[in-house]
């Protein structure tokens, strides 16, 4: 199996490796059947920044967040734990598929897609507040979103967010003291620890 999975994205490469190293000729069907019999499945791979992070910082932050989540899970909690992040969405599929006659290829114009950028605040109870923009997200846009969210909070909130450059800009950091006076506090995650931000799942 080790030879077959040196390149886990290509069974053809596995068949060639087995033939070259062991002199055995297997069909793709046979190799696939062998993998399935040993509990392997074909599924999407996950991108990860795990190798870049400091594992001790990750574990410390995880333990701290677990305590905060437990505190916010109590019926009489006096602050909300909120997860914040941004995402961009292309309105044109990257790799469009269509039924096509064998030997012919449908073509579509190569154009840049309008991009929707979404900033969101996710509460532990699942409520989601979003802000949608056509343009780029800069410090001014980010500050306006936080100002608006701050005005609509029902109780003090601790906002969990990553270290994106826009989150660390001078303009954004200059507003932190003002938000804290209104009951909004920021908790920055260690670098390369997206698994700790629940909104990443959404």
N, C-alpha and C. Protein backbone atom coordinates (compact mmCIF):
# COMPACT_ATOMS: atom_id res chain seq x y z
N UNK A 1 0.82 -1.21 0.00
CA UNK A 1 0.00 0.00 0.00
C UNK A 1 0.85 1.27 0.00
N UNK A 2 2.01 1.18 0.65
CA UNK A 2 2.87 2.36 0.71
C UNK A 2 3.28 2.82 -0.69
N UNK A 3 3.65 1.90 -1.54
CA UNK A 3 4.02 2.25 -2.91
C UNK A 3 2.84 2.86 -3.66
N UNK A 4 1.68 2.27 -3.46
CA UNK A 4 0.48 2.73 -4.18
C UNK A 4 0.09 4.14 -3.78
N UNK A 5 0.44 4.53 -2.55
CA UNK A 5 -0.02 5.82 -2.02
C UNK A 5 1.09 6.86 -1.91
N UNK A 6 2.22 6.63 -2.61
CA UNK A 6 3.25 7.67 -2.61
C UNK A 6 2.69 8.95 -3.21
N UNK A 7 1.80 8.80 -4.18
CA UNK A 7 1.04 9.94 -4.72
C UNK A 7 -0.44 9.61 -4.52
N UNK A 8 -1.03 9.98 -3.37
CA UNK A 8 -2.40 9.56 -3.06
C UNK A 8 -3.46 10.15 -3.97
N UNK A 9 -3.07 11.09 -4.85
CA UNK A 9 -4.06 11.70 -5.75
C UNK A 9 -4.12 10.98 -7.08
N UNK A 10 -3.25 10.00 -7.31
CA UNK A 10 -3.22 9.35 -8.62
C UNK A 10 -3.00 7.85 -8.50
N UNK A 11 -4.04 7.06 -8.80
CA UNK A 11 -3.89 5.61 -8.81
C UNK A 11 -3.00 5.15 -9.96
N UNK A 12 -3.02 5.90 -11.06
CA UNK A 12 -2.15 5.55 -12.19
C UNK A 12 -0.69 5.58 -11.76
N UNK A 13 -0.33 6.61 -10.99
CA UNK A 13 1.05 6.69 -10.49
C UNK A 13 1.35 5.51 -9.57
N UNK A 14 0.36 5.09 -8.78
CA UNK A 14 0.54 3.94 -7.90
C UNK A 14 0.77 2.66 -8.67
N UNK A 15 0.00 2.46 -9.73
CA UNK A 15 0.17 1.27 -10.57
C UNK A 15 1.58 1.25 -11.18
N UNK A 16 2.06 2.40 -11.65
CA UNK A 16 3.39 2.48 -12.24
C UNK A 16 4.48 2.21 -11.20
N UNK A 17 4.30 2.74 -9.99
CA UNK A 17 5.27 2.52 -8.92
C UNK A 17 5.37 1.04 -8.58
N UNK A 18 4.24 0.37 -8.47
CA UNK A 18 4.22 -1.06 -8.14
C UNK A 18 4.89 -1.87 -9.25
N UNK A 19 4.61 -1.51 -10.49
CA UNK A 19 5.22 -2.23 -11.61
C UNK A 19 6.73 -2.03 -11.64
N UNK A 20 7.17 -0.80 -11.36
CA UNK A 20 8.59 -0.48 -11.42
C UNK A 20 9.37 -1.12 -10.26
N UNK A 21 8.81 -1.03 -9.04
CA UNK A 21 9.55 -1.51 -7.86
C UNK A 21 9.38 -3.00 -7.61
N UNK A 22 8.21 -3.54 -7.91
CA UNK A 22 7.94 -4.94 -7.57
C UNK A 22 7.81 -5.85 -8.79
N UNK A 23 7.71 -5.24 -9.96
CA UNK A 23 7.56 -6.04 -11.16
C UNK A 23 6.17 -6.65 -11.30
N UNK A 24 5.22 -6.18 -10.47
CA UNK A 24 3.84 -6.71 -10.51
C UNK A 24 2.97 -5.75 -11.30
N UNK A 25 2.11 -6.31 -12.14
CA UNK A 25 1.21 -5.47 -12.94
C UNK A 25 -0.20 -5.59 -12.39
N UNK A 26 -0.72 -4.47 -11.93
CA UNK A 26 -2.08 -4.40 -11.41
C UNK A 26 -2.90 -3.48 -12.27
N UNK A 27 -4.19 -3.77 -12.36
CA UNK A 27 -5.08 -2.84 -13.06
C UNK A 27 -5.52 -1.77 -12.06
N UNK A 28 -5.99 -0.65 -12.59
CA UNK A 28 -6.53 0.40 -11.71
C UNK A 28 -7.68 -0.15 -10.88
N UNK A 29 -8.51 -0.98 -11.49
CA UNK A 29 -9.66 -1.55 -10.79
C UNK A 29 -9.19 -2.40 -9.60
N UNK A 30 -8.17 -3.22 -9.81
CA UNK A 30 -7.66 -4.09 -8.74
C UNK A 30 -7.06 -3.26 -7.61
N UNK A 31 -6.29 -2.24 -7.95
CA UNK A 31 -5.68 -1.39 -6.93
C UNK A 31 -6.76 -0.66 -6.13
N UNK A 32 -7.76 -0.17 -6.84
CA UNK A 32 -8.85 0.52 -6.15
C UNK A 32 -9.56 -0.43 -5.19
N UNK A 33 -9.81 -1.66 -5.64
CA UNK A 33 -10.49 -2.65 -4.80
C UNK A 33 -9.65 -2.98 -3.56
N UNK A 34 -8.33 -3.09 -3.74
CA UNK A 34 -7.44 -3.37 -2.60
C UNK A 34 -7.47 -2.24 -1.57
N UNK A 35 -7.46 -1.00 -2.08
CA UNK A 35 -7.50 0.15 -1.17
C UNK A 35 -8.81 0.19 -0.39
N UNK A 36 -9.92 -0.05 -1.08
CA UNK A 36 -11.22 -0.05 -0.41
C UNK A 36 -11.29 -1.16 0.64
N UNK A 37 -10.69 -2.32 0.34
CA UNK A 37 -10.73 -3.43 1.30
C UNK A 37 -9.91 -3.12 2.56
N UNK A 38 -8.99 -2.15 2.46
CA UNK A 38 -8.18 -1.77 3.60
C UNK A 38 -8.64 -0.45 4.21
N UNK A 39 -9.90 -0.12 3.97
CA UNK A 39 -10.57 1.02 4.61
C UNK A 39 -10.11 2.38 4.08
N UNK A 40 -9.54 2.44 2.87
CA UNK A 40 -9.24 3.72 2.24
C UNK A 40 -10.47 4.19 1.47
N UNK A 41 -10.66 5.51 1.41
CA UNK A 41 -11.77 6.08 0.64
C UNK A 41 -11.24 7.25 -0.20
N UNK A 42 -11.93 7.54 -1.28
CA UNK A 42 -11.60 8.69 -2.12
C UNK A 42 -12.38 9.87 -1.60
N UNK A 43 -11.68 10.86 -1.05
CA UNK A 43 -12.38 12.03 -0.53
C UNK A 43 -11.50 13.26 -0.68
N UNK A 44 -12.10 14.38 -0.44
CA UNK A 44 -11.41 15.66 -0.62
C UNK A 44 -10.29 15.81 0.40
N UNK A 45 -9.13 16.32 -0.05
CA UNK A 45 -8.03 16.62 0.86
C UNK A 45 -8.29 17.95 1.54
N UNK A 46 -7.62 18.18 2.64
CA UNK A 46 -7.80 19.43 3.39
C UNK A 46 -6.52 20.24 3.37
N UNK A 47 -6.65 21.51 3.03
CA UNK A 47 -5.49 22.40 3.13
C UNK A 47 -5.25 22.70 4.61
N UNK A 48 -4.00 22.76 5.01
CA UNK A 48 -3.69 22.97 6.41
C UNK A 48 -2.44 23.82 6.57
N UNK A 49 -2.44 24.67 7.58
CA UNK A 49 -1.26 25.47 7.92
C UNK A 49 -0.63 24.94 9.21
N UNK A 50 -0.99 23.72 9.58
CA UNK A 50 -0.52 23.12 10.83
C UNK A 50 1.01 23.15 10.96
N UNK A 51 1.72 22.90 9.86
CA UNK A 51 3.18 22.82 9.93
C UNK A 51 3.83 24.17 10.23
N UNK A 52 3.09 25.27 10.03
CA UNK A 52 3.67 26.61 10.22
C UNK A 52 3.45 27.16 11.63
N UNK A 53 2.55 26.55 12.39
CA UNK A 53 2.19 27.15 13.66
C UNK A 53 3.06 26.65 14.81
N UNK A 54 3.01 27.38 15.92
CA UNK A 54 3.65 26.96 17.16
C UNK A 54 2.64 26.11 17.92
N UNK A 55 2.93 24.82 18.07
CA UNK A 55 1.96 23.90 18.66
C UNK A 55 1.64 24.25 20.11
N UNK A 56 2.62 24.73 20.87
CA UNK A 56 2.36 25.10 22.26
C UNK A 56 1.39 26.28 22.33
N UNK A 57 1.59 27.27 21.46
CA UNK A 57 0.67 28.42 21.41
C UNK A 57 -0.74 27.95 21.04
N UNK A 58 -0.82 27.01 20.10
CA UNK A 58 -2.12 26.48 19.68
C UNK A 58 -2.83 25.81 20.85
N UNK A 59 -2.14 24.94 21.57
CA UNK A 59 -2.76 24.21 22.68
C UNK A 59 -3.16 25.15 23.81
N UNK A 60 -2.33 26.16 24.08
CA UNK A 60 -2.67 27.14 25.13
C UNK A 60 -3.93 27.92 24.76
N UNK A 61 -3.99 28.38 23.50
CA UNK A 61 -5.16 29.13 23.04
C UNK A 61 -6.40 28.25 23.03
N UNK A 62 -6.25 26.99 22.64
CA UNK A 62 -7.38 26.07 22.62
C UNK A 62 -7.95 25.87 24.02
N UNK A 63 -7.07 25.66 25.01
CA UNK A 63 -7.53 25.48 26.39
C UNK A 63 -8.24 26.73 26.90
N UNK A 64 -7.70 27.90 26.56
CA UNK A 64 -8.31 29.16 26.98
C UNK A 64 -9.70 29.33 26.36
N UNK A 65 -9.81 29.03 25.06
CA UNK A 65 -11.11 29.14 24.38
C UNK A 65 -12.12 28.13 24.92
N UNK A 66 -11.66 26.93 25.27
CA UNK A 66 -12.56 25.93 25.86
C UNK A 66 -13.18 26.46 27.15
N UNK A 67 -12.37 27.13 27.97
CA UNK A 67 -12.89 27.71 29.22
C UNK A 67 -13.88 28.83 28.94
N UNK A 68 -13.56 29.66 27.96
CA UNK A 68 -14.47 30.76 27.60
C UNK A 68 -15.79 30.23 27.07
N UNK A 69 -15.73 29.18 26.25
CA UNK A 69 -16.96 28.59 25.71
C UNK A 69 -17.81 27.99 26.83
N UNK A 70 -17.16 27.36 27.79
CA UNK A 70 -17.89 26.79 28.92
C UNK A 70 -18.57 27.89 29.72
N UNK A 71 -17.85 29.00 29.93
CA UNK A 71 -18.42 30.13 30.68
C UNK A 71 -19.61 30.72 29.94
N UNK A 72 -19.50 30.83 28.61
CA UNK A 72 -20.59 31.42 27.83
C UNK A 72 -21.75 30.44 27.63
N UNK A 73 -21.52 29.17 27.92
CA UNK A 73 -22.59 28.19 27.80
C UNK A 73 -23.51 28.18 29.01
N UNK A 74 -23.09 28.82 30.08
CA UNK A 74 -23.93 28.88 31.29
C UNK A 74 -25.13 29.78 31.04
N UNK A 75 -26.23 29.45 31.71
CA UNK A 75 -27.48 30.21 31.50
C UNK A 75 -27.33 31.68 31.89
N UNK A 76 -26.52 31.95 32.90
CA UNK A 76 -26.40 33.33 33.41
C UNK A 76 -25.11 34.00 32.94
N UNK A 77 -24.61 33.61 31.74
CA UNK A 77 -23.34 34.20 31.28
C UNK A 77 -23.47 35.70 31.10
N UNK A 78 -22.40 36.41 31.45
CA UNK A 78 -22.48 37.87 31.41
C UNK A 78 -21.77 38.49 30.21
N UNK A 79 -21.27 37.64 29.30
CA UNK A 79 -20.71 38.15 28.05
C UNK A 79 -20.90 37.10 26.97
N UNK A 80 -20.87 37.55 25.72
CA UNK A 80 -21.00 36.65 24.57
C UNK A 80 -19.62 36.39 23.96
N UNK A 81 -19.41 35.16 23.51
CA UNK A 81 -18.20 34.82 22.77
C UNK A 81 -18.57 34.78 21.29
N UNK A 82 -17.92 35.61 20.51
CA UNK A 82 -18.26 35.77 19.09
C UNK A 82 -17.04 35.46 18.23
N UNK A 83 -17.27 34.72 17.15
CA UNK A 83 -16.19 34.40 16.22
C UNK A 83 -16.35 35.23 14.96
N UNK A 84 -15.26 35.88 14.54
CA UNK A 84 -15.30 36.79 13.39
C UNK A 84 -14.34 36.34 12.30
N UNK A 85 -14.78 36.51 11.05
CA UNK A 85 -13.88 36.26 9.92
C UNK A 85 -14.50 36.84 8.66
N UNK A 86 -13.71 36.83 7.59
CA UNK A 86 -14.19 37.29 6.30
C UNK A 86 -13.97 36.22 5.25
N UNK A 87 -14.75 36.27 4.18
CA UNK A 87 -14.60 35.31 3.08
C UNK A 87 -15.00 35.99 1.78
N UNK A 88 -14.39 35.52 0.69
CA UNK A 88 -14.73 36.05 -0.63
C UNK A 88 -15.36 34.98 -1.49
N UNK A 89 -16.33 35.36 -2.31
CA UNK A 89 -17.04 34.39 -3.14
C UNK A 89 -17.02 34.85 -4.59
N UNK A 90 -16.56 33.94 -5.47
CA UNK A 90 -16.60 34.19 -6.91
C UNK A 90 -17.97 33.80 -7.43
N UNK A 91 -18.52 34.59 -8.34
CA UNK A 91 -19.85 34.31 -8.87
C UNK A 91 -19.80 33.45 -10.14
N UNK A 92 -18.59 33.10 -10.56
CA UNK A 92 -18.43 32.23 -11.73
C UNK A 92 -17.65 30.99 -11.28
N UNK A 93 -18.16 29.78 -11.59
CA UNK A 93 -17.44 28.57 -11.17
C UNK A 93 -16.01 28.56 -11.72
N UNK A 94 -15.08 28.09 -10.89
CA UNK A 94 -13.68 28.02 -11.34
C UNK A 94 -13.50 26.98 -12.44
N UNK A 95 -14.14 25.83 -12.29
CA UNK A 95 -14.04 24.75 -13.28
C UNK A 95 -15.45 24.30 -13.64
N UNK A 96 -16.09 24.99 -14.60
CA UNK A 96 -17.46 24.63 -14.95
C UNK A 96 -17.53 23.31 -15.71
N UNK A 97 -18.51 22.50 -15.36
CA UNK A 97 -18.74 21.23 -16.04
C UNK A 97 -20.04 21.31 -16.83
N UNK A 98 -20.14 20.55 -17.94
CA UNK A 98 -21.37 20.50 -18.73
C UNK A 98 -21.36 19.22 -19.57
N UNK A 99 -22.55 18.74 -19.94
CA UNK A 99 -22.63 17.59 -20.85
C UNK A 99 -22.21 18.06 -22.23
N UNK A 100 -21.25 17.34 -22.82
CA UNK A 100 -20.70 17.73 -24.11
C UNK A 100 -20.52 16.50 -24.99
N UNK A 101 -20.67 16.69 -26.29
CA UNK A 101 -20.44 15.60 -27.23
C UNK A 101 -18.98 15.18 -27.17
N UNK A 102 -18.74 13.87 -27.22
CA UNK A 102 -17.38 13.36 -27.22
C UNK A 102 -16.62 13.95 -28.42
N UNK A 103 -15.45 14.49 -28.17
CA UNK A 103 -14.65 15.08 -29.24
C UNK A 103 -14.89 16.57 -29.43
N UNK A 104 -15.91 17.12 -28.76
CA UNK A 104 -16.19 18.55 -28.84
C UNK A 104 -16.05 19.16 -27.46
N UNK A 105 -15.68 20.43 -27.39
CA UNK A 105 -15.53 21.12 -26.12
C UNK A 105 -16.29 22.44 -26.16
N UNK A 106 -17.21 22.61 -25.22
CA UNK A 106 -17.91 23.88 -25.11
C UNK A 106 -16.98 24.92 -24.52
N UNK A 107 -17.07 26.12 -25.02
CA UNK A 107 -16.23 27.20 -24.51
C UNK A 107 -17.10 28.30 -23.93
N UNK A 108 -16.61 28.91 -22.87
CA UNK A 108 -17.29 30.07 -22.29
C UNK A 108 -16.28 31.21 -22.25
N UNK A 109 -16.76 32.44 -22.32
CA UNK A 109 -15.83 33.58 -22.31
C UNK A 109 -14.99 33.57 -21.04
N UNK A 110 -13.72 33.90 -21.18
CA UNK A 110 -12.83 34.01 -20.03
C UNK A 110 -12.96 35.43 -19.48
N UNK A 111 -13.64 35.56 -18.36
CA UNK A 111 -13.86 36.88 -17.76
C UNK A 111 -13.59 36.79 -16.27
N UNK A 112 -13.28 37.92 -15.70
CA UNK A 112 -13.12 37.99 -14.25
C UNK A 112 -14.49 38.09 -13.62
N UNK A 113 -14.69 37.35 -12.54
CA UNK A 113 -15.97 37.35 -11.87
C UNK A 113 -16.07 38.51 -10.89
N UNK A 114 -17.28 39.09 -10.81
CA UNK A 114 -17.49 39.99 -9.68
C UNK A 114 -17.28 39.18 -8.40
N UNK A 115 -16.74 39.78 -7.38
CA UNK A 115 -16.44 39.06 -6.14
C UNK A 115 -17.21 39.68 -4.99
N UNK A 116 -17.92 38.84 -4.28
CA UNK A 116 -18.61 39.29 -3.08
C UNK A 116 -17.76 38.99 -1.87
N UNK A 117 -17.52 39.99 -1.04
CA UNK A 117 -16.78 39.80 0.19
C UNK A 117 -17.75 39.88 1.36
N UNK A 118 -17.65 38.92 2.27
CA UNK A 118 -18.56 38.85 3.41
C UNK A 118 -17.76 38.88 4.70
N UNK A 119 -18.15 39.76 5.60
CA UNK A 119 -17.61 39.78 6.95
C UNK A 119 -18.71 39.28 7.88
N UNK A 120 -18.35 38.40 8.80
CA UNK A 120 -19.40 37.83 9.64
C UNK A 120 -19.01 37.66 11.09
N UNK A 121 -20.02 37.76 11.96
CA UNK A 121 -19.89 37.52 13.40
C UNK A 121 -20.79 36.34 13.75
N UNK A 122 -20.21 35.28 14.31
CA UNK A 122 -20.95 34.07 14.64
C UNK A 122 -20.98 33.87 16.15
N UNK A 123 -22.21 33.82 16.70
CA UNK A 123 -22.41 33.59 18.13
C UNK A 123 -22.38 32.10 18.43
N UNK A 124 -22.11 31.72 19.67
CA UNK A 124 -22.10 30.31 20.04
C UNK A 124 -23.46 29.65 19.87
N UNK A 125 -24.53 30.44 19.92
CA UNK A 125 -25.86 29.85 19.73
C UNK A 125 -26.23 29.70 18.26
N UNK A 126 -25.30 30.08 17.37
CA UNK A 126 -25.52 29.88 15.94
C UNK A 126 -26.04 31.10 15.21
N UNK A 127 -26.32 32.18 15.92
CA UNK A 127 -26.79 33.38 15.22
C UNK A 127 -25.63 34.02 14.46
N UNK A 128 -25.92 34.50 13.26
CA UNK A 128 -24.88 34.98 12.36
C UNK A 128 -25.24 36.37 11.85
N UNK A 129 -24.37 37.33 12.08
CA UNK A 129 -24.55 38.69 11.57
C UNK A 129 -23.54 38.88 10.44
N UNK A 130 -24.01 39.28 9.27
CA UNK A 130 -23.09 39.40 8.14
C UNK A 130 -23.16 40.78 7.49
N UNK A 131 -22.07 41.14 6.84
CA UNK A 131 -21.94 42.38 6.10
C UNK A 131 -21.37 42.02 4.73
N UNK A 132 -22.06 42.39 3.67
CA UNK A 132 -21.68 41.97 2.32
C UNK A 132 -21.26 43.18 1.50
N UNK A 133 -20.14 43.04 0.77
CA UNK A 133 -19.58 44.13 -0.01
C UNK A 133 -19.15 43.64 -1.39
N UNK A 134 -19.29 44.51 -2.38
CA UNK A 134 -18.79 44.21 -3.72
C UNK A 134 -17.29 44.49 -3.82
N UNK A 135 -16.83 45.48 -3.09
CA UNK A 135 -15.43 45.89 -3.21
C UNK A 135 -14.51 45.22 -2.21
N UNK A 136 -13.27 45.71 -2.20
CA UNK A 136 -12.25 45.17 -1.30
C UNK A 136 -12.56 45.56 0.15
N UNK A 137 -12.04 44.76 1.05
CA UNK A 137 -12.20 45.03 2.48
C UNK A 137 -10.93 45.72 2.98
N UNK A 138 -11.06 46.98 3.35
CA UNK A 138 -9.92 47.70 3.91
C UNK A 138 -10.24 48.09 5.36
N UNK A 139 -9.34 48.81 5.99
CA UNK A 139 -9.52 49.17 7.40
C UNK A 139 -10.79 49.98 7.63
N UNK A 140 -11.09 50.88 6.72
CA UNK A 140 -12.27 51.73 6.88
C UNK A 140 -13.55 50.90 6.88
N UNK A 141 -13.65 49.95 5.96
CA UNK A 141 -14.82 49.07 5.88
C UNK A 141 -14.91 48.22 7.14
N UNK A 142 -13.79 47.64 7.55
CA UNK A 142 -13.77 46.78 8.74
C UNK A 142 -14.20 47.54 9.99
N UNK A 143 -13.69 48.75 10.15
CA UNK A 143 -14.03 49.56 11.32
C UNK A 143 -15.52 49.88 11.35
N UNK A 144 -16.10 50.20 10.20
CA UNK A 144 -17.54 50.49 10.14
C UNK A 144 -18.36 49.28 10.57
N UNK A 145 -17.93 48.09 10.15
CA UNK A 145 -18.65 46.87 10.55
C UNK A 145 -18.57 46.66 12.06
N UNK A 146 -17.39 46.82 12.62
CA UNK A 146 -17.24 46.65 14.07
C UNK A 146 -17.99 47.73 14.84
N UNK A 147 -17.99 48.96 14.33
CA UNK A 147 -18.76 50.04 14.97
C UNK A 147 -20.25 49.69 14.98
N UNK A 148 -20.75 49.20 13.85
CA UNK A 148 -22.16 48.85 13.76
C UNK A 148 -22.50 47.68 14.68
N UNK A 149 -21.65 46.66 14.67
CA UNK A 149 -21.91 45.50 15.53
C UNK A 149 -21.88 45.91 17.00
N UNK A 150 -20.97 46.78 17.33
CA UNK A 150 -20.84 47.27 18.71
C UNK A 150 -22.12 47.96 19.17
N UNK A 151 -22.74 48.72 18.28
CA UNK A 151 -23.96 49.44 18.62
C UNK A 151 -25.14 48.49 18.84
N UNK A 152 -25.11 47.32 18.22
CA UNK A 152 -26.26 46.40 18.29
C UNK A 152 -26.08 45.25 19.28
N UNK A 153 -24.95 45.23 19.99
CA UNK A 153 -24.73 44.17 20.98
C UNK A 153 -25.75 44.27 22.11
N UNK A 154 -26.20 43.12 22.59
CA UNK A 154 -27.14 43.11 23.71
C UNK A 154 -26.41 42.98 25.05
N UNK A 155 -25.17 42.51 25.02
CA UNK A 155 -24.34 42.42 26.22
C UNK A 155 -22.88 42.49 25.79
N UNK A 156 -21.97 42.67 26.74
CA UNK A 156 -20.55 42.71 26.36
C UNK A 156 -20.16 41.48 25.55
N UNK A 157 -19.18 41.66 24.65
CA UNK A 157 -18.79 40.56 23.77
C UNK A 157 -17.28 40.49 23.63
N UNK A 158 -16.78 39.25 23.55
CA UNK A 158 -15.38 38.99 23.27
C UNK A 158 -15.32 38.43 21.85
N UNK A 159 -14.65 39.15 20.96
CA UNK A 159 -14.60 38.78 19.55
C UNK A 159 -13.29 38.03 19.27
N UNK A 160 -13.41 36.82 18.77
CA UNK A 160 -12.25 36.01 18.41
C UNK A 160 -11.95 36.24 16.93
N UNK A 161 -10.70 36.60 16.61
CA UNK A 161 -10.35 36.85 15.21
C UNK A 161 -8.89 36.50 14.95
N UNK A 162 -8.56 36.36 13.67
CA UNK A 162 -7.19 35.98 13.30
C UNK A 162 -6.32 37.22 13.12
N UNK A 163 -5.11 36.99 12.64
CA UNK A 163 -4.14 38.08 12.52
C UNK A 163 -3.99 38.60 11.10
N UNK A 164 -5.09 38.65 10.36
CA UNK A 164 -5.04 39.19 9.01
C UNK A 164 -4.47 40.62 9.06
N UNK A 165 -3.72 41.04 8.05
CA UNK A 165 -3.11 42.38 8.07
C UNK A 165 -4.11 43.50 8.34
N UNK A 166 -5.32 43.38 7.79
CA UNK A 166 -6.31 44.44 8.01
C UNK A 166 -6.76 44.49 9.47
N UNK A 167 -6.66 43.35 10.18
CA UNK A 167 -7.02 43.33 11.61
C UNK A 167 -5.93 43.95 12.48
N UNK A 168 -4.75 44.11 11.90
CA UNK A 168 -3.62 44.65 12.66
C UNK A 168 -3.20 46.03 12.17
N UNK A 169 -4.01 46.63 11.34
CA UNK A 169 -3.67 47.95 10.80
C UNK A 169 -3.71 49.00 11.91
N UNK A 170 -2.97 50.06 11.69
CA UNK A 170 -2.93 51.16 12.67
C UNK A 170 -4.32 51.74 12.89
N UNK A 171 -5.07 51.93 11.82
CA UNK A 171 -6.41 52.51 11.93
C UNK A 171 -7.33 51.62 12.75
N UNK A 172 -7.28 50.31 12.50
CA UNK A 172 -8.14 49.37 13.24
C UNK A 172 -7.74 49.33 14.71
N UNK A 173 -6.44 49.22 14.97
CA UNK A 173 -5.98 49.14 16.36
C UNK A 173 -6.28 50.43 17.14
N UNK A 174 -6.36 51.56 16.43
CA UNK A 174 -6.66 52.82 17.12
C UNK A 174 -8.09 52.86 17.66
N UNK A 175 -8.96 51.96 17.19
CA UNK A 175 -10.36 51.95 17.63
C UNK A 175 -10.59 50.99 18.80
N UNK A 176 -9.60 50.15 19.13
CA UNK A 176 -9.80 49.12 20.14
C UNK A 176 -10.22 49.69 21.49
N UNK A 177 -9.56 50.74 21.92
CA UNK A 177 -9.87 51.32 23.23
C UNK A 177 -11.32 51.82 23.27
N UNK A 178 -11.76 52.45 22.19
CA UNK A 178 -13.14 52.94 22.13
C UNK A 178 -14.14 51.80 22.19
N UNK A 179 -13.85 50.68 21.49
CA UNK A 179 -14.76 49.54 21.53
C UNK A 179 -14.80 48.91 22.93
N UNK A 180 -13.65 48.85 23.57
CA UNK A 180 -13.62 48.27 24.91
C UNK A 180 -14.46 49.09 25.88
N UNK A 181 -14.48 50.39 25.71
CA UNK A 181 -15.31 51.26 26.55
C UNK A 181 -16.79 50.95 26.36
N UNK A 182 -17.14 50.39 25.19
CA UNK A 182 -18.53 50.04 24.91
C UNK A 182 -18.83 48.56 25.18
N UNK A 183 -17.81 47.81 25.65
CA UNK A 183 -18.04 46.42 26.01
C UNK A 183 -17.67 45.41 24.94
N UNK A 184 -16.93 45.86 23.90
CA UNK A 184 -16.50 44.94 22.86
C UNK A 184 -14.98 44.75 22.98
N UNK A 185 -14.57 43.50 23.20
CA UNK A 185 -13.15 43.18 23.40
C UNK A 185 -12.69 42.22 22.30
N UNK A 186 -11.41 42.29 21.97
CA UNK A 186 -10.85 41.45 20.91
C UNK A 186 -9.90 40.41 21.49
N UNK A 187 -9.98 39.19 20.96
CA UNK A 187 -9.06 38.12 21.32
C UNK A 187 -8.43 37.60 20.03
N UNK A 188 -7.15 37.92 19.82
CA UNK A 188 -6.46 37.49 18.61
C UNK A 188 -5.92 36.08 18.78
N UNK A 189 -6.18 35.23 17.81
CA UNK A 189 -5.67 33.87 17.83
C UNK A 189 -4.18 33.85 17.49
N UNK A 190 -3.47 32.80 17.91
CA UNK A 190 -2.08 32.66 17.45
C UNK A 190 -2.07 32.48 15.93
N UNK A 191 -0.94 32.77 15.33
CA UNK A 191 -0.82 32.63 13.88
C UNK A 191 -1.01 31.18 13.43
N UNK A 192 -1.61 31.02 12.26
CA UNK A 192 -1.81 29.71 11.62
C UNK A 192 -2.63 28.74 12.48
N UNK A 193 -3.66 29.25 13.12
CA UNK A 193 -4.53 28.40 13.94
C UNK A 193 -6.00 28.57 13.55
N UNK A 194 -6.35 28.42 12.26
CA UNK A 194 -7.74 28.64 11.85
C UNK A 194 -8.73 27.67 12.48
N UNK A 195 -8.24 26.48 12.91
CA UNK A 195 -9.15 25.49 13.52
C UNK A 195 -9.79 26.02 14.79
N UNK A 196 -9.18 27.03 15.40
CA UNK A 196 -9.72 27.56 16.66
C UNK A 196 -10.84 28.58 16.44
N UNK A 197 -11.06 28.96 15.19
CA UNK A 197 -12.09 29.94 14.89
C UNK A 197 -13.32 29.21 14.31
N UNK A 198 -14.37 29.07 15.10
CA UNK A 198 -15.52 28.28 14.69
C UNK A 198 -16.17 28.77 13.41
N UNK A 199 -16.05 30.06 13.13
CA UNK A 199 -16.69 30.59 11.92
C UNK A 199 -16.03 30.05 10.65
N UNK A 200 -14.81 29.54 10.77
CA UNK A 200 -14.14 28.94 9.61
C UNK A 200 -14.97 27.79 9.04
N UNK A 201 -15.65 27.06 9.90
CA UNK A 201 -16.48 25.94 9.44
C UNK A 201 -17.62 26.46 8.56
N UNK A 202 -18.23 27.56 9.01
CA UNK A 202 -19.33 28.17 8.24
C UNK A 202 -18.80 28.72 6.92
